[in-house]
Amino acid sequence: MASQLASRKILIVDDNVDSVDLIADLLSMYGHVTAKAYGGAGGIETAIDFQPDVMLVDLGMPEVTGYAVVKKLRQYPQMDDVVMVAYTAWDDATTRKQTSIAGFDEHLAKPADIERLLEVISLTRPKSPVI
């Protein structure tokens, strides 16, 4: 398992409750601190309160899409350094281009290989020590 020094604050935003819970549990096993949001509106609120290092955001959520989440959060200066990862089943070239234009930093296709997910997370720098 990862050491405390490698810990990141990670917010998972998806309307699929089981998916959010599974990813959060898995990342916690690797020493990361996680927060969960089961939809886009909750994702925006939680991100502002939790101040994550990394966000995994599904694109195809009802009401508030992943695109809308990122667009809204990129308006807040405190969100500038947050690595926003599109975590979606949509993995075609057009969607990858759209996520980049929308402000996502990375694009991971579901289900992501755990090693690739951890690699993306490891490229980030924690904003503050995780206790």
N, C-alpha and C. Protein backbone atom coordinates (compact mmCIF):
# COMPACT_ATOMS: atom_id res chain seq x y z
N MET A 1 0.82 -1.18 0.00
CA MET A 1 0.00 0.00 0.00
C MET A 1 0.87 1.25 0.00
N ALA A 2 0.30 2.32 -0.49
CA ALA A 2 1.03 3.59 -0.57
C ALA A 2 1.25 4.16 0.82
N SER A 3 2.32 4.89 0.98
CA SER A 3 2.62 5.51 2.26
C SER A 3 1.76 6.76 2.43
N GLN A 4 1.72 7.28 3.67
CA GLN A 4 0.98 8.51 3.93
C GLN A 4 1.52 9.66 3.10
N LEU A 5 2.83 9.67 2.83
CA LEU A 5 3.41 10.76 2.05
C LEU A 5 2.82 10.81 0.64
N ALA A 6 2.36 9.67 0.15
CA ALA A 6 1.81 9.62 -1.20
C ALA A 6 0.30 9.89 -1.23
N SER A 7 -0.29 10.12 -0.07
CA SER A 7 -1.74 10.29 -0.01
C SER A 7 -2.20 11.54 -0.75
N ARG A 8 -3.34 11.40 -1.39
CA ARG A 8 -4.00 12.51 -2.07
C ARG A 8 -5.45 12.57 -1.59
N LYS A 9 -6.02 13.75 -1.69
CA LYS A 9 -7.45 13.92 -1.43
C LYS A 9 -8.15 13.77 -2.78
N ILE A 10 -9.02 12.77 -2.87
CA ILE A 10 -9.65 12.44 -4.14
C ILE A 10 -11.17 12.46 -3.99
N LEU A 11 -11.81 13.20 -4.89
CA LEU A 11 -13.28 13.26 -4.93
C LEU A 11 -13.76 12.47 -6.13
N ILE A 12 -14.69 11.54 -5.88
CA ILE A 12 -15.28 10.74 -6.95
C ILE A 12 -16.71 11.23 -7.16
N VAL A 13 -17.03 11.60 -8.40
CA VAL A 13 -18.35 12.15 -8.74
C VAL A 13 -18.97 11.28 -9.83
N ASP A 14 -20.07 10.63 -9.50
CA ASP A 14 -20.75 9.75 -10.45
C ASP A 14 -22.16 9.50 -9.93
N ASP A 15 -23.11 9.31 -10.83
CA ASP A 15 -24.47 9.00 -10.40
C ASP A 15 -24.65 7.52 -10.09
N ASN A 16 -23.65 6.70 -10.39
CA ASN A 16 -23.69 5.28 -10.08
C ASN A 16 -23.10 5.08 -8.68
N VAL A 17 -23.97 4.89 -7.71
CA VAL A 17 -23.56 4.80 -6.31
C VAL A 17 -22.56 3.67 -6.10
N ASP A 18 -22.82 2.50 -6.68
CA ASP A 18 -21.92 1.37 -6.50
C ASP A 18 -20.53 1.67 -7.04
N SER A 19 -20.46 2.33 -8.18
CA SER A 19 -19.18 2.68 -8.78
C SER A 19 -18.40 3.64 -7.87
N VAL A 20 -19.08 4.66 -7.37
CA VAL A 20 -18.43 5.63 -6.47
C VAL A 20 -17.90 4.93 -5.23
N ASP A 21 -18.75 4.12 -4.61
CA ASP A 21 -18.35 3.44 -3.37
C ASP A 21 -17.18 2.49 -3.60
N LEU A 22 -17.21 1.75 -4.69
CA LEU A 22 -16.13 0.81 -4.99
C LEU A 22 -14.80 1.53 -5.21
N ILE A 23 -14.81 2.58 -6.01
CA ILE A 23 -13.58 3.32 -6.29
C ILE A 23 -13.06 3.99 -5.01
N ALA A 24 -13.96 4.56 -4.23
CA ALA A 24 -13.54 5.21 -2.98
C ALA A 24 -12.90 4.20 -2.03
N ASP A 25 -13.51 3.03 -1.90
CA ASP A 25 -12.95 1.99 -1.03
C ASP A 25 -11.58 1.54 -1.53
N LEU A 26 -11.48 1.34 -2.82
CA LEU A 26 -10.21 0.90 -3.41
C LEU A 26 -9.11 1.93 -3.19
N LEU A 27 -9.40 3.19 -3.46
CA LEU A 27 -8.39 4.24 -3.29
C LEU A 27 -8.03 4.43 -1.82
N SER A 28 -8.98 4.23 -0.93
CA SER A 28 -8.69 4.30 0.51
C SER A 28 -7.72 3.21 0.92
N MET A 29 -7.84 2.04 0.31
CA MET A 29 -6.91 0.94 0.60
C MET A 29 -5.48 1.30 0.21
N TYR A 30 -5.32 2.21 -0.73
CA TYR A 30 -3.99 2.66 -1.16
C TYR A 30 -3.54 3.90 -0.39
N GLY A 31 -4.25 4.25 0.66
CA GLY A 31 -3.84 5.34 1.52
C GLY A 31 -4.35 6.72 1.17
N HIS A 32 -5.25 6.80 0.20
CA HIS A 32 -5.80 8.10 -0.19
C HIS A 32 -7.03 8.43 0.65
N VAL A 33 -7.28 9.72 0.81
CA VAL A 33 -8.47 10.20 1.51
C VAL A 33 -9.50 10.52 0.43
N THR A 34 -10.68 9.94 0.56
CA THR A 34 -11.68 10.11 -0.49
C THR A 34 -12.94 10.80 0.02
N ALA A 35 -13.60 11.45 -0.91
CA ALA A 35 -14.94 12.00 -0.68
C ALA A 35 -15.79 11.54 -1.85
N LYS A 36 -17.09 11.45 -1.62
CA LYS A 36 -18.01 10.93 -2.63
C LYS A 36 -19.11 11.93 -2.92
N ALA A 37 -19.50 11.97 -4.19
CA ALA A 37 -20.67 12.75 -4.60
C ALA A 37 -21.41 11.91 -5.63
N TYR A 38 -22.71 11.76 -5.42
CA TYR A 38 -23.52 10.89 -6.27
C TYR A 38 -24.29 11.66 -7.34
N GLY A 39 -23.68 12.70 -7.85
CA GLY A 39 -24.27 13.49 -8.92
C GLY A 39 -23.48 14.77 -9.11
N GLY A 40 -23.75 15.45 -10.20
CA GLY A 40 -22.99 16.64 -10.55
C GLY A 40 -23.14 17.79 -9.58
N ALA A 41 -24.38 18.09 -9.17
CA ALA A 41 -24.60 19.21 -8.25
C ALA A 41 -23.88 18.96 -6.92
N GLY A 42 -24.01 17.75 -6.42
CA GLY A 42 -23.30 17.39 -5.19
C GLY A 42 -21.80 17.42 -5.37
N GLY A 43 -21.34 17.09 -6.56
CA GLY A 43 -19.91 17.13 -6.85
C GLY A 43 -19.35 18.53 -6.75
N ILE A 44 -20.09 19.50 -7.24
CA ILE A 44 -19.65 20.90 -7.17
C ILE A 44 -19.56 21.34 -5.71
N GLU A 45 -20.61 21.08 -4.94
CA GLU A 45 -20.62 21.47 -3.53
C GLU A 45 -19.51 20.79 -2.74
N THR A 46 -19.36 19.49 -2.96
CA THR A 46 -18.35 18.73 -2.22
C THR A 46 -16.95 19.18 -2.58
N ALA A 47 -16.71 19.48 -3.85
CA ALA A 47 -15.38 19.93 -4.28
C ALA A 47 -14.99 21.23 -3.58
N ILE A 48 -15.92 22.14 -3.47
CA ILE A 48 -15.63 23.43 -2.83
C ILE A 48 -15.31 23.23 -1.35
N ASP A 49 -16.04 22.34 -0.68
CA ASP A 49 -15.81 22.08 0.74
C ASP A 49 -14.57 21.21 0.99
N PHE A 50 -14.38 20.17 0.20
CA PHE A 50 -13.34 19.16 0.41
C PHE A 50 -11.97 19.60 -0.11
N GLN A 51 -11.95 20.45 -1.12
CA GLN A 51 -10.69 20.93 -1.73
C GLN A 51 -9.79 19.76 -2.13
N PRO A 52 -10.23 18.94 -3.08
CA PRO A 52 -9.45 17.75 -3.46
C PRO A 52 -8.19 18.10 -4.25
N ASP A 53 -7.28 17.14 -4.30
CA ASP A 53 -6.13 17.22 -5.19
C ASP A 53 -6.51 16.71 -6.57
N VAL A 54 -7.39 15.70 -6.57
CA VAL A 54 -7.82 15.02 -7.80
C VAL A 54 -9.32 14.80 -7.75
N MET A 55 -9.97 14.94 -8.91
CA MET A 55 -11.38 14.59 -9.03
C MET A 55 -11.55 13.59 -10.16
N LEU A 56 -12.29 12.53 -9.91
CA LEU A 56 -12.70 11.58 -10.94
C LEU A 56 -14.16 11.89 -11.22
N VAL A 57 -14.48 12.31 -12.44
CA VAL A 57 -15.81 12.80 -12.75
C VAL A 57 -16.39 12.05 -13.94
N ASP A 58 -17.55 11.43 -13.73
CA ASP A 58 -18.28 10.79 -14.82
C ASP A 58 -18.86 11.88 -15.71
N LEU A 59 -18.96 11.60 -16.99
CA LEU A 59 -19.50 12.59 -17.92
C LEU A 59 -21.02 12.54 -18.02
N GLY A 60 -21.58 11.34 -18.11
CA GLY A 60 -22.99 11.18 -18.43
C GLY A 60 -23.91 11.10 -17.24
N MET A 61 -23.91 12.12 -16.41
CA MET A 61 -24.81 12.16 -15.27
C MET A 61 -26.05 12.98 -15.62
N PRO A 62 -27.22 12.59 -15.09
CA PRO A 62 -28.43 13.38 -15.35
C PRO A 62 -28.36 14.72 -14.62
N GLU A 63 -29.11 15.67 -15.09
CA GLU A 63 -29.23 17.01 -14.52
C GLU A 63 -27.96 17.84 -14.68
N VAL A 64 -26.89 17.51 -13.98
CA VAL A 64 -25.63 18.25 -14.10
C VAL A 64 -24.56 17.28 -14.60
N THR A 65 -24.15 17.45 -15.84
CA THR A 65 -23.18 16.54 -16.45
C THR A 65 -21.77 16.80 -15.91
N GLY A 66 -20.88 15.86 -16.19
CA GLY A 66 -19.49 16.05 -15.82
C GLY A 66 -18.87 17.27 -16.47
N TYR A 67 -19.27 17.54 -17.70
CA TYR A 67 -18.78 18.74 -18.39
C TYR A 67 -19.18 20.00 -17.62
N ALA A 68 -20.43 20.04 -17.15
CA ALA A 68 -20.92 21.20 -16.41
C ALA A 68 -20.21 21.34 -15.06
N VAL A 69 -19.91 20.21 -14.43
CA VAL A 69 -19.18 20.24 -13.16
C VAL A 69 -17.83 20.92 -13.34
N VAL A 70 -17.08 20.47 -14.33
CA VAL A 70 -15.74 21.02 -14.56
C VAL A 70 -15.81 22.48 -14.98
N LYS A 71 -16.75 22.80 -15.85
CA LYS A 71 -16.89 24.20 -16.29
C LYS A 71 -17.15 25.12 -15.10
N LYS A 72 -18.03 24.70 -14.21
CA LYS A 72 -18.36 25.51 -13.03
C LYS A 72 -17.16 25.62 -12.09
N LEU A 73 -16.51 24.50 -11.80
CA LEU A 73 -15.41 24.51 -10.83
C LEU A 73 -14.19 25.26 -11.34
N ARG A 74 -13.97 25.27 -12.63
CA ARG A 74 -12.82 26.00 -13.19
C ARG A 74 -12.98 27.51 -13.03
N GLN A 75 -14.16 27.97 -12.62
CA GLN A 75 -14.39 29.39 -12.36
C GLN A 75 -13.86 29.82 -11.00
N TYR A 76 -13.58 28.87 -10.12
CA TYR A 76 -13.10 29.16 -8.77
C TYR A 76 -11.58 29.08 -8.73
N PRO A 77 -10.91 30.15 -8.29
CA PRO A 77 -9.44 30.14 -8.23
C PRO A 77 -8.87 28.99 -7.40
N GLN A 78 -9.55 28.60 -6.33
CA GLN A 78 -9.05 27.52 -5.49
C GLN A 78 -9.11 26.15 -6.18
N MET A 79 -9.76 26.09 -7.32
CA MET A 79 -9.85 24.84 -8.08
C MET A 79 -8.82 24.77 -9.20
N ASP A 80 -8.02 25.80 -9.36
CA ASP A 80 -7.05 25.86 -10.47
C ASP A 80 -6.09 24.68 -10.50
N ASP A 81 -5.63 24.24 -9.32
CA ASP A 81 -4.63 23.17 -9.27
C ASP A 81 -5.22 21.78 -9.14
N VAL A 82 -6.52 21.67 -9.10
CA VAL A 82 -7.16 20.36 -8.98
C VAL A 82 -7.05 19.63 -10.31
N VAL A 83 -6.55 18.40 -10.26
CA VAL A 83 -6.48 17.58 -11.47
C VAL A 83 -7.85 16.94 -11.67
N MET A 84 -8.49 17.29 -12.77
CA MET A 84 -9.83 16.79 -13.06
C MET A 84 -9.74 15.73 -14.15
N VAL A 85 -10.19 14.54 -13.78
CA VAL A 85 -10.10 13.38 -14.65
C VAL A 85 -11.50 12.97 -15.10
N ALA A 86 -11.71 12.96 -16.41
CA ALA A 86 -12.96 12.41 -16.95
C ALA A 86 -12.87 10.90 -16.78
N TYR A 87 -13.78 10.34 -16.01
CA TYR A 87 -13.79 8.90 -15.76
C TYR A 87 -15.11 8.38 -16.32
N THR A 88 -15.05 7.84 -17.54
CA THR A 88 -16.27 7.60 -18.30
C THR A 88 -16.18 6.36 -19.17
N ALA A 89 -17.33 5.83 -19.54
CA ALA A 89 -17.38 4.71 -20.47
C ALA A 89 -17.19 5.18 -21.91
N TRP A 90 -17.31 6.48 -22.14
CA TRP A 90 -17.16 7.04 -23.49
C TRP A 90 -15.68 7.26 -23.76
N ASP A 91 -15.13 6.51 -24.70
CA ASP A 91 -13.68 6.57 -24.92
C ASP A 91 -13.31 6.74 -26.39
N ASP A 92 -14.16 7.41 -27.14
CA ASP A 92 -13.85 7.65 -28.55
C ASP A 92 -13.05 8.94 -28.70
N ALA A 93 -12.47 9.15 -29.86
CA ALA A 93 -11.61 10.31 -30.11
C ALA A 93 -12.36 11.63 -29.93
N THR A 94 -13.62 11.67 -30.36
CA THR A 94 -14.41 12.90 -30.22
C THR A 94 -14.62 13.26 -28.75
N THR A 95 -14.97 12.28 -27.94
CA THR A 95 -15.18 12.53 -26.51
C THR A 95 -13.89 12.96 -25.84
N ARG A 96 -12.78 12.32 -26.19
CA ARG A 96 -11.49 12.70 -25.61
C ARG A 96 -11.17 14.16 -25.95
N LYS A 97 -11.45 14.57 -27.17
CA LYS A 97 -11.20 15.96 -27.56
C LYS A 97 -12.12 16.89 -26.77
N GLN A 98 -13.39 16.51 -26.63
CA GLN A 98 -14.35 17.34 -25.90
C GLN A 98 -13.96 17.49 -24.43
N THR A 99 -13.46 16.42 -23.82
CA THR A 99 -13.08 16.53 -22.40
C THR A 99 -11.88 17.45 -22.24
N SER A 100 -10.97 17.40 -23.17
CA SER A 100 -9.81 18.29 -23.12
C SER A 100 -10.24 19.75 -23.26
N ILE A 101 -11.10 20.02 -24.22
CA ILE A 101 -11.60 21.38 -24.44
C ILE A 101 -12.39 21.87 -23.22
N ALA A 102 -13.12 20.97 -22.58
CA ALA A 102 -13.97 21.34 -21.44
C ALA A 102 -13.17 21.68 -20.18
N GLY A 103 -11.90 21.30 -20.14
CA GLY A 103 -11.09 21.62 -18.97
C GLY A 103 -10.62 20.44 -18.15
N PHE A 104 -10.93 19.24 -18.62
CA PHE A 104 -10.40 18.06 -17.94
C PHE A 104 -8.90 17.94 -18.23
N ASP A 105 -8.16 17.43 -17.25
CA ASP A 105 -6.72 17.25 -17.40
C ASP A 105 -6.37 15.87 -17.96
N GLU A 106 -7.20 14.89 -17.66
CA GLU A 106 -6.97 13.51 -18.08
C GLU A 106 -8.30 12.88 -18.48
N HIS A 107 -8.21 11.77 -19.19
CA HIS A 107 -9.40 11.02 -19.61
C HIS A 107 -9.10 9.54 -19.37
N LEU A 108 -9.88 8.91 -18.52
CA LEU A 108 -9.73 7.48 -18.26
C LEU A 108 -11.03 6.77 -18.61
N ALA A 109 -10.90 5.68 -19.33
CA ALA A 109 -12.08 4.90 -19.71
C ALA A 109 -12.43 3.92 -18.60
N LYS A 110 -13.72 3.79 -18.33
CA LYS A 110 -14.21 2.80 -17.37
C LYS A 110 -14.26 1.44 -18.04
N PRO A 111 -13.99 0.41 -17.34
CA PRO A 111 -13.35 0.42 -16.03
C PRO A 111 -11.84 0.62 -16.21
N ALA A 112 -11.28 1.54 -15.47
CA ALA A 112 -9.86 1.83 -15.60
C ALA A 112 -9.04 0.77 -14.88
N ASP A 113 -7.92 0.46 -15.47
CA ASP A 113 -6.94 -0.40 -14.83
C ASP A 113 -6.45 0.32 -13.58
N ILE A 114 -6.40 -0.37 -12.45
CA ILE A 114 -6.01 0.27 -11.19
C ILE A 114 -4.62 0.88 -11.28
N GLU A 115 -3.71 0.21 -11.97
CA GLU A 115 -2.35 0.75 -12.10
C GLU A 115 -2.36 2.08 -12.86
N ARG A 116 -3.17 2.19 -13.90
CA ARG A 116 -3.26 3.44 -14.66
C ARG A 116 -3.90 4.54 -13.81
N LEU A 117 -4.92 4.18 -13.07
CA LEU A 117 -5.57 5.14 -12.19
C LEU A 117 -4.59 5.67 -11.14
N LEU A 118 -3.84 4.78 -10.52
CA LEU A 118 -2.85 5.19 -9.52
C LEU A 118 -1.73 6.01 -10.14
N GLU A 119 -1.38 5.69 -11.38
CA GLU A 119 -0.35 6.46 -12.09
C GLU A 119 -0.81 7.91 -12.28
N VAL A 120 -2.03 8.09 -12.72
CA VAL A 120 -2.56 9.45 -12.93
C VAL A 120 -2.58 10.20 -11.60
N ILE A 121 -3.01 9.54 -10.55
CA ILE A 121 -3.06 10.17 -9.23
C ILE A 121 -1.66 10.54 -8.75
N SER A 122 -0.69 9.67 -8.99
CA SER A 122 0.67 9.91 -8.51
C SER A 122 1.34 11.10 -9.19
N LEU A 123 0.84 11.51 -10.34
CA LEU A 123 1.41 12.65 -11.05
C LEU A 123 1.00 13.98 -10.44
N THR A 124 0.07 13.95 -9.52
CA THR A 124 -0.40 15.18 -8.88
C THR A 124 0.42 15.47 -7.63
N ARG A 125 0.39 16.71 -7.20
CA ARG A 125 1.05 17.10 -5.97
C ARG A 125 -0.03 17.46 -4.96
N PRO A 126 0.07 16.91 -3.76
CA PRO A 126 -0.93 17.27 -2.76
C PRO A 126 -0.82 18.74 -2.38
N LYS A 127 -1.98 19.38 -2.20
CA LYS A 127 -2.00 20.80 -1.81
C LYS A 127 -1.58 20.98 -0.36
N SER A 128 -1.96 20.03 0.46
CA SER A 128 -1.62 20.11 1.87
C SER A 128 -1.46 18.70 2.40
N PRO A 129 -0.76 18.54 3.52
CA PRO A 129 -0.59 17.19 4.07
C PRO A 129 -1.94 16.57 4.39
N VAL A 130 -2.05 15.29 4.12
CA VAL A 130 -3.27 14.55 4.45
C VAL A 130 -3.06 13.94 5.81
N ILE A 131 -3.99 14.21 6.70
CA ILE A 131 -3.85 13.71 8.08
C ILE A 131 -4.84 12.61 8.33
